[in-house]
Amino acid sequence: MPTTPKLSLYYYPTCWACRRVLRALDSLGMDVELRHIRENPDYRDELIAARGRKRVPVLRVDHADGRTEWIPESRVIVQLLQAMDRASG
């Protein structure tokens, strides 16, 4: 049985694209760690170290095998979340 990856969303609440992802998360009822980059500079620094910039939203996907994916762009993130929800359900 495949293990569900750990999901973390790098965001800040006044970002319109971030709000799109947050609405999808709410609608799907998915458990995703929210990492507010303006309240926690460590999250901002993690994002910059991984992606070279602090543009949000970015979904971090930590797989059970140790791989980490960084997925930018709200539409892509929402599509991925919807696909994951369908696959789990």
Protein backbone atom coordinates (compact mmCIF):
# COMPACT_ATOMS: atom_id res chain seq x y z
CA MET A 1 0.00 0.00 0.00
CA PRO A 2 1.55 3.32 -1.04
CA THR A 3 2.31 5.84 1.69
CA THR A 4 0.71 9.25 1.33
CA PRO A 5 3.36 11.95 0.95
CA LYS A 6 3.67 14.74 3.51
CA LEU A 7 2.40 18.01 2.04
CA SER A 8 3.43 21.53 3.05
CA LEU A 9 2.14 24.72 1.46
CA TYR A 10 4.39 27.77 1.45
CA TYR A 11 2.09 30.78 1.29
CA TYR A 12 0.88 34.01 2.81
CA PRO A 13 -2.84 34.78 3.26
CA THR A 14 -3.11 37.99 1.22
CA CYS A 15 -1.69 36.35 -1.92
CA TRP A 16 -4.59 35.80 -4.36
CA ALA A 17 -3.03 32.66 -5.85
CA CYS A 18 -2.44 31.26 -2.36
CA ARG A 19 -6.11 31.85 -1.54
CA ARG A 20 -7.06 29.78 -4.60
CA VAL A 21 -5.04 26.83 -3.19
CA LEU A 22 -6.41 27.37 0.34
CA ARG A 23 -9.99 27.25 -1.01
CA ALA A 24 -9.22 23.98 -2.79
CA LEU A 25 -7.71 22.52 0.38
CA ASP A 26 -10.79 23.53 2.34
CA SER A 27 -13.11 22.07 -0.28
CA LEU A 28 -11.18 18.79 -0.43
CA GLY A 29 -10.69 18.57 3.33
CA MET A 30 -7.01 17.70 2.88
CA ASP A 31 -4.44 17.80 5.67
CA VAL A 32 -1.59 20.05 4.54
CA GLU A 33 0.90 21.84 6.76
CA LEU A 34 0.64 25.59 6.16
CA ARG A 35 3.95 27.44 6.14
CA HIS A 36 3.34 31.20 6.29
CA ILE A 37 6.52 32.72 4.83
CA ARG A 38 5.89 36.21 6.22
CA GLU A 39 5.32 35.06 9.80
CA ASN A 40 8.19 32.59 9.88
CA PRO A 41 11.46 33.62 8.23
CA ASP A 42 12.70 30.02 8.41
CA TYR A 43 9.96 28.99 5.96
CA ARG A 44 10.90 31.85 3.62
CA ASP A 45 14.56 30.82 3.81
CA GLU A 46 13.69 27.16 3.08
CA LEU A 47 11.73 28.23 0.03
CA ILE A 48 14.54 30.46 -1.27
CA ALA A 49 17.13 27.72 -0.69
CA ALA A 50 15.03 25.21 -2.63
CA ARG A 51 13.66 27.39 -5.41
CA GLY A 52 15.97 30.41 -5.59
CA ARG A 53 13.14 32.82 -4.85
CA LYS A 54 10.31 33.42 -2.40
CA ARG A 55 7.39 33.43 -4.84
CA VAL A 56 4.34 31.59 -3.51
CA PRO A 57 2.29 29.43 -3.51
CA VAL A 58 4.59 26.42 -3.59
CA LEU A 59 3.59 22.95 -2.49
CA ARG A 60 6.36 20.84 -0.97
CA VAL A 61 5.78 17.11 -1.39
CA ASP A 62 7.93 14.89 0.82
CA HIS A 63 7.71 11.32 -0.44
CA ALA A 64 8.22 8.25 1.73
CA ASP A 65 11.31 7.30 -0.30
CA GLY A 66 13.05 10.54 0.74
CA ARG A 67 12.45 12.51 -2.47
CA THR A 68 11.17 16.07 -2.18
CA GLU A 69 9.28 17.87 -4.94
CA TRP A 70 8.62 21.62 -4.99
CA ILE A 71 5.53 22.43 -7.05
CA PRO A 72 4.82 26.07 -7.92
CA GLU A 73 1.78 27.68 -9.59
CA SER A 74 -1.64 27.63 -7.98
CA ARG A 75 -3.45 25.92 -10.88
CA VAL A 76 -0.92 23.10 -11.00
CA ILE A 77 -1.11 22.69 -7.21
CA VAL A 78 -4.92 22.57 -7.25
CA GLN A 79 -4.91 19.99 -10.07
CA LEU A 80 -2.42 17.84 -8.17
CA LEU A 81 -4.45 18.06 -4.96
CA GLN A 82 -7.63 17.09 -6.80
CA ALA A 83 -5.86 14.12 -8.42
CA MET A 84 -4.49 13.01 -5.05
CA ASP A 85 -7.96 13.27 -3.53
CA ARG A 86 -9.47 11.17 -6.33
CA ALA A 87 -6.73 8.55 -5.98
CA SER A 88 -7.29 8.26 -2.23
CA GLY A 89 -10.97 8.00 -2.42
